[in-house]
Amino acid sequence: MPESTNYIPPLSFSPVVSTDVSLYRSGYPMPLNFPFIRDQLHLRTIIYVGDKQELSQEYQDFLATENIKFHNIFMDSCRDPAVDERMNEVLKLVLDIDNYPILIHSNKGKHRVGVVVGIIRKVLQGWSLTGIYQEYGIFSGGLKGEADMEYVTMFETCLKVPKEKVPRFAIF
């Protein structure tokens, strides 16, 4: 009898977009999540928004074996003086169809990823702030993130990207 594989998604895993492209969010993947990521998501790109500088050797080996492009975009919080620049780095990656499927993760998949997804929802998908705040609350476990939500509310970008590379879900 064939051995069954139990697929375990990373902490706080959820699809963000699953139309013509796939964009996912989560917490930091652990080795027990690697079969799920490999066999179910077929990622081309992972974007890490967080404060860890070093990746575990297991994670590095997994990325290399699966030929997944990894972008480590340092983000301490939405109060970081360079956060606008870093948010535009993330948006530039998300706005390039060649990077899909993409997983964006932080350490726990709550606040930093919540801000990034909130920006994607606002700028690229035209969501209302009410919907963005509600989704943020669900993933943060109801923890207040007033500074995060204020940042999402105030965020604007003048990013220029080639139109032919923009995924169809984006109203950019």
C-alpha atoms as a PDB file:
ATOM      1  CA  MET A   1       0.000   0.000   0.000  1.00  0.00           C
ATOM      2  CA  PRO A   2       1.413   3.466  -0.889  1.00  0.00           C
ATOM      3  CA  GLU A   3       2.583   5.631   1.944  1.00  0.00           C
ATOM      4  CA  SER A   4       0.207   8.531   2.585  1.00  0.00           C
ATOM      5  CA  THR A   5       1.525  12.052   2.976  1.00  0.00           C
ATOM      6  CA  ASN A   6       0.001  14.336   5.558  1.00  0.00           C
ATOM      7  CA  TYR A   7       0.177  17.832   4.201  1.00  0.00           C
ATOM      8  CA  ILE A   8       0.555  20.476   6.871  1.00  0.00           C
ATOM      9  CA  PRO A   9       0.358  24.104   5.745  1.00  0.00           C
ATOM     10  CA  PRO A  10       2.420  26.763   7.515  1.00  0.00           C
ATOM     11  CA  LEU A  11       0.972  28.707  10.431  1.00  0.00           C
ATOM     12  CA  SER A  12      -1.690  31.254   9.342  1.00  0.00           C
ATOM     13  CA  PHE A  13      -1.674  29.933   5.767  1.00  0.00           C
ATOM     14  CA  SER A  14      -4.313  31.253   3.372  1.00  0.00           C
ATOM     15  CA  PRO A  15      -4.712  32.067  -0.308  1.00  0.00           C
ATOM     16  CA  VAL A  16      -4.700  35.792  -1.073  1.00  0.00           C
ATOM     17  CA  VAL A  17      -5.399  35.420  -4.798  1.00  0.00           C
ATOM     18  CA  SER A  18      -6.258  32.234  -6.641  1.00  0.00           C
ATOM     19  CA  THR A  19      -7.479  33.298 -10.055  1.00  0.00           C
ATOM     20  CA  ASP A  20      -5.106  33.234 -13.027  1.00  0.00           C
ATOM     21  CA  VAL A  21      -2.200  33.311 -10.557  1.00  0.00           C
ATOM     22  CA  SER A  22      -1.706  32.067  -7.022  1.00  0.00           C
ATOM     23  CA  LEU A  23      -0.600  34.305  -4.176  1.00  0.00           C
ATOM     24  CA  TYR A  24      -0.490  32.969  -0.619  1.00  0.00           C
ATOM     25  CA  ARG A  25       0.251  34.265   2.871  1.00  0.00           C
ATOM     26  CA  SER A  26       1.570  32.469   5.949  1.00  0.00           C
ATOM     27  CA  GLY A  27       3.849  32.366   8.926  1.00  0.00           C
ATOM     28  CA  TYR A  28       7.430  31.110   8.710  1.00  0.00           C
ATOM     29  CA  PRO A  29       7.506  27.647   7.037  1.00  0.00           C
ATOM     30  CA  MET A  30       8.921  24.815   9.108  1.00  0.00           C
ATOM     31  CA  PRO A  31      10.326  21.529   7.733  1.00  0.00           C
ATOM     32  CA  LEU A  32       6.998  19.754   8.388  1.00  0.00           C
ATOM     33  CA  ASN A  33       5.411  22.265   5.949  1.00  0.00           C
ATOM     34  CA  PHE A  34       7.865  21.602   3.113  1.00  0.00           C
ATOM     35  CA  PRO A  35       5.901  18.667   1.552  1.00  0.00           C
ATOM     36  CA  PHE A  36       2.758  20.853   1.451  1.00  0.00           C
ATOM     37  CA  ILE A  37       4.646  23.735  -0.145  1.00  0.00           C
ATOM     38  CA  ARG A  38       6.397  21.462  -2.641  1.00  0.00           C
ATOM     39  CA  ASP A  39       3.472  19.237  -3.643  1.00  0.00           C
ATOM     40  CA  GLN A  40       0.505  21.588  -3.293  1.00  0.00           C
ATOM     41  CA  LEU A  41       1.741  25.123  -4.038  1.00  0.00           C
ATOM     42  CA  HIS A  42       4.485  24.628  -6.664  1.00  0.00           C
ATOM     43  CA  LEU A  43       5.990  27.994  -5.746  1.00  0.00           C
ATOM     44  CA  ARG A  44       8.292  29.975  -7.937  1.00  0.00           C
ATOM     45  CA  THR A  45       8.906  32.771  -5.391  1.00  0.00           C
ATOM     46  CA  ILE A  46       8.882  33.271  -1.619  1.00  0.00           C
ATOM     47  CA  ILE A  47       8.947  36.752  -0.121  1.00  0.00           C
ATOM     48  CA  TYR A  48       9.885  36.943   3.547  1.00  0.00           C
ATOM     49  CA  VAL A  49       8.945  40.175   5.320  1.00  0.00           C
ATOM     50  CA  GLY A  50      10.450  40.014   8.757  1.00  0.00           C
ATOM     51  CA  ASP A  51      13.351  40.654  11.030  1.00  0.00           C
ATOM     52  CA  LYS A  52      15.338  37.403  10.758  1.00  0.00           C
ATOM     53  CA  GLN A  53      18.560  37.804   8.848  1.00  0.00           C
ATOM     54  CA  GLU A  54      19.608  34.142   8.836  1.00  0.00           C
ATOM     55  CA  LEU A  55      17.634  31.252   7.382  1.00  0.00           C
ATOM     56  CA  SER A  56      17.913  27.772   8.819  1.00  0.00           C
ATOM     57  CA  GLN A  57      20.060  25.401   6.783  1.00  0.00           C
ATOM     58  CA  GLU A  58      16.995  23.174   6.236  1.00  0.00           C
ATOM     59  CA  TYR A  59      15.065  26.092   4.763  1.00  0.00           C
ATOM     60  CA  GLN A  60      17.991  27.109   2.537  1.00  0.00           C
ATOM     61  CA  ASP A  61      18.348  23.520   1.312  1.00  0.00           C
ATOM     62  CA  PHE A  62      14.611  23.272   0.608  1.00  0.00           C
ATOM     63  CA  LEU A  63      14.625  26.523  -1.401  1.00  0.00           C
ATOM     64  CA  ALA A  64      17.654  25.370  -3.411  1.00  0.00           C
ATOM     65  CA  THR A  65      16.270  21.869  -4.054  1.00  0.00           C
ATOM     66  CA  GLU A  66      12.901  23.245  -5.181  1.00  0.00           C
ATOM     67  CA  ASN A  67      14.497  26.082  -7.178  1.00  0.00           C
ATOM     68  CA  ILE A  68      12.378  28.703  -5.382  1.00  0.00           C
ATOM     69  CA  LYS A  69      13.539  32.320  -5.620  1.00  0.00           C
ATOM     70  CA  PHE A  70      13.755  33.806  -2.133  1.00  0.00           C
ATOM     71  CA  HIS A  71      13.530  37.502  -1.320  1.00  0.00           C
ATOM     72  CA  ASN A  72      14.355  38.571   2.231  1.00  0.00           C
ATOM     73  CA  ILE A  73      12.846  42.028   2.675  1.00  0.00           C
ATOM     74  CA  PHE A  74      13.735  43.260   6.132  1.00  0.00           C
ATOM     75  CA  MET A  75      10.733  44.762   7.854  1.00  0.00           C
ATOM     76  CA  ASP A  76      10.786  45.423  11.569  1.00  0.00           C
ATOM     77  CA  SER A  77       7.370  47.118  11.683  1.00  0.00           C
ATOM     78  CA  CYS A  78       5.283  49.706   9.885  1.00  0.00           C
ATOM     79  CA  ARG A  79       7.149  52.306  11.970  1.00  0.00           C
ATOM     80  CA  ASP A  80      10.442  51.421  10.244  1.00  0.00           C
ATOM     81  CA  PRO A  81      11.687  54.586   8.459  1.00  0.00           C
ATOM     82  CA  ALA A  82      12.325  52.611   5.236  1.00  0.00           C
ATOM     83  CA  VAL A  83       9.003  50.759   5.257  1.00  0.00           C
ATOM     84  CA  ASP A  84       7.624  52.566   2.160  1.00  0.00           C
ATOM     85  CA  GLU A  85      10.676  51.581   0.140  1.00  0.00           C
ATOM     86  CA  ARG A  86      10.419  47.984   1.319  1.00  0.00           C
ATOM     87  CA  MET A  87       6.679  47.848   0.658  1.00  0.00           C
ATOM     88  CA  ASN A  88       7.351  49.008  -2.899  1.00  0.00           C
ATOM     89  CA  GLU A  89       9.937  46.198  -3.241  1.00  0.00           C
ATOM     90  CA  VAL A  90       7.219  43.701  -2.292  1.00  0.00           C
ATOM     91  CA  LEU A  91       4.702  45.286  -4.674  1.00  0.00           C
ATOM     92  CA  LYS A  92       7.213  45.203  -7.528  1.00  0.00           C
ATOM     93  CA  LEU A  93       7.638  41.442  -7.013  1.00  0.00           C
ATOM     94  CA  VAL A  94       3.858  40.873  -6.733  1.00  0.00           C
ATOM     95  CA  LEU A  95       3.267  42.921  -9.884  1.00  0.00           C
ATOM     96  CA  ASP A  96       5.499  40.681 -12.014  1.00  0.00           C
ATOM     97  CA  ILE A  97       3.626  37.692 -13.420  1.00  0.00           C
ATOM     98  CA  ASP A  98       6.931  35.852 -13.872  1.00  0.00           C
ATOM     99  CA  ASN A  99       7.234  35.442 -10.084  1.00  0.00           C
ATOM    100  CA  TYR A 100       4.042  33.401  -9.637  1.00  0.00           C
ATOM    101  CA  PRO A 101       3.029  31.341  -7.691  1.00  0.00           C
ATOM    102  CA  ILE A 102       4.181  33.427  -4.692  1.00  0.00           C
ATOM    103  CA  LEU A 103       4.138  32.882  -0.927  1.00  0.00           C
ATOM    104  CA  ILE A 104       4.564  35.950   1.274  1.00  0.00           C
ATOM    105  CA  HIS A 105       5.405  35.105   4.859  1.00  0.00           C
ATOM    106  CA  SER A 106       6.533  36.684   8.092  1.00  0.00           C
ATOM    107  CA  ASN A 107       7.377  35.000  11.366  1.00  0.00           C
ATOM    108  CA  LYS A 108       3.839  34.239  12.566  1.00  0.00           C
ATOM    109  CA  GLY A 109       1.795  35.408   9.579  1.00  0.00           C
ATOM    110  CA  LYS A 110      -0.033  38.082  11.550  1.00  0.00           C
ATOM    111  CA  HIS A 111       1.092  41.702  11.595  1.00  0.00           C
ATOM    112  CA  ARG A 112       3.773  42.203   8.922  1.00  0.00           C
ATOM    113  CA  VAL A 113       2.046  39.949   6.421  1.00  0.00           C
ATOM    114  CA  GLY A 114      -1.257  41.531   7.461  1.00  0.00           C
ATOM    115  CA  VAL A 115       0.092  44.932   6.458  1.00  0.00           C
ATOM    116  CA  VAL A 116       1.472  43.616   3.158  1.00  0.00           C
ATOM    117  CA  VAL A 117      -1.795  41.858   2.303  1.00  0.00           C
ATOM    118  CA  GLY A 118      -3.732  44.967   3.364  1.00  0.00           C
ATOM    119  CA  ILE A 119      -1.663  47.052   0.929  1.00  0.00           C
ATOM    120  CA  ILE A 120      -2.230  44.475  -1.842  1.00  0.00           C
ATOM    121  CA  ARG A 121      -5.968  44.480  -1.103  1.00  0.00           C
ATOM    122  CA  LYS A 122      -6.124  48.291  -1.109  1.00  0.00           C
ATOM    123  CA  VAL A 123      -3.779  49.230  -3.950  1.00  0.00           C
ATOM    124  CA  LEU A 124      -4.091  46.248  -6.302  1.00  0.00           C
ATOM    125  CA  GLN A 125      -7.578  44.917  -5.630  1.00  0.00           C
ATOM    126  CA  GLY A 126      -9.569  47.985  -4.600  1.00  0.00           C
ATOM    127  CA  TRP A 127     -10.870  46.536  -1.327  1.00  0.00           C
ATOM    128  CA  SER A 128     -12.578  48.805   1.173  1.00  0.00           C
ATOM    129  CA  LEU A 129     -10.673  49.649   4.329  1.00  0.00           C
ATOM    130  CA  THR A 130     -13.427  47.969   6.349  1.00  0.00           C
ATOM    131  CA  GLY A 131     -12.773  44.651   4.605  1.00  0.00           C
ATOM    132  CA  ILE A 132      -9.024  45.061   5.028  1.00  0.00           C
ATOM    133  CA  TYR A 133      -9.393  45.790   8.755  1.00  0.00           C
ATOM    134  CA  GLN A 134     -11.680  42.782   9.174  1.00  0.00           C
ATOM    135  CA  GLU A 135      -9.240  40.421   7.444  1.00  0.00           C
ATOM    136  CA  TYR A 136      -6.338  41.826   9.479  1.00  0.00           C
ATOM    137  CA  GLY A 137      -8.305  41.174  12.672  1.00  0.00           C
ATOM    138  CA  ILE A 138      -9.017  37.569  11.700  1.00  0.00           C
ATOM    139  CA  PHE A 139      -5.343  36.761  11.100  1.00  0.00           C
ATOM    140  CA  SER A 140      -4.023  38.737  14.058  1.00  0.00           C
ATOM    141  CA  GLY A 141      -6.361  36.907  16.428  1.00  0.00           C
ATOM    142  CA  GLY A 142      -8.191  40.118  17.245  1.00  0.00           C
ATOM    143  CA  LEU A 143      -5.006  41.781  18.460  1.00  0.00           C
ATOM    144  CA  LYS A 144      -5.122  45.478  17.872  1.00  0.00           C
ATOM    145  CA  GLY A 145      -2.859  46.837  15.192  1.00  0.00           C
ATOM    146  CA  GLU A 146      -3.819  50.505  15.096  1.00  0.00           C
ATOM    147  CA  ALA A 147      -0.410  51.599  13.791  1.00  0.00           C
ATOM    148  CA  ASP A 148      -0.538  48.872  11.118  1.00  0.00           C
ATOM    149  CA  MET A 149      -4.022  49.860   9.983  1.00  0.00           C
ATOM    150  CA  GLU A 150      -3.121  53.544   9.996  1.00  0.00           C
ATOM    151  CA  TYR A 151      -0.150  52.704   7.774  1.00  0.00           C
ATOM    152  CA  VAL A 152      -2.346  50.746   5.330  1.00  0.00           C
ATOM    153  CA  THR A 153      -4.856  53.606   5.283  1.00  0.00           C
ATOM    154  CA  MET A 154      -2.208  56.231   4.521  1.00  0.00           C
ATOM    155  CA  PHE A 155      -0.034  54.175   2.132  1.00  0.00           C
ATOM    156  CA  GLU A 156       0.282  55.422  -1.432  1.00  0.00           C
ATOM    157  CA  THR A 157       2.643  54.346  -4.170  1.00  0.00           C
ATOM    158  CA  CYS A 158       3.827  55.847  -7.422  1.00  0.00           C
ATOM    159  CA  LEU A 159       5.504  52.611  -8.495  1.00  0.00           C
ATOM    160  CA  LYS A 160       6.006  52.195 -12.237  1.00  0.00           C
ATOM    161  CA  VAL A 161       5.903  48.660 -13.629  1.00  0.00           C
ATOM    162  CA  PRO A 162       5.622  47.215 -17.151  1.00  0.00           C
ATOM    163  CA  LYS A 163       1.894  46.712 -17.861  1.00  0.00           C
ATOM    164  CA  GLU A 164       2.536  43.441 -19.744  1.00  0.00           C
ATOM    165  CA  LYS A 165       3.948  41.884 -16.551  1.00  0.00           C
ATOM    166  CA  VAL A 166       1.026  42.843 -14.270  1.00  0.00           C
ATOM    167  CA  PRO A 167      -1.205  39.903 -13.212  1.00  0.00           C
ATOM    168  CA  ARG A 168      -4.868  40.175 -14.256  1.00  0.00           C
ATOM    169  CA  PHE A 169      -6.164  40.396 -10.658  1.00  0.00           C
ATOM    170  CA  ALA A 170      -4.393  43.747 -10.154  1.00  0.00           C
ATOM    171  CA  ILE A 171      -6.266  46.964 -10.910  1.00  0.00           C
ATOM    172  CA  PHE A 172      -2.904  48.741 -10.895  1.00  0.00           C
END
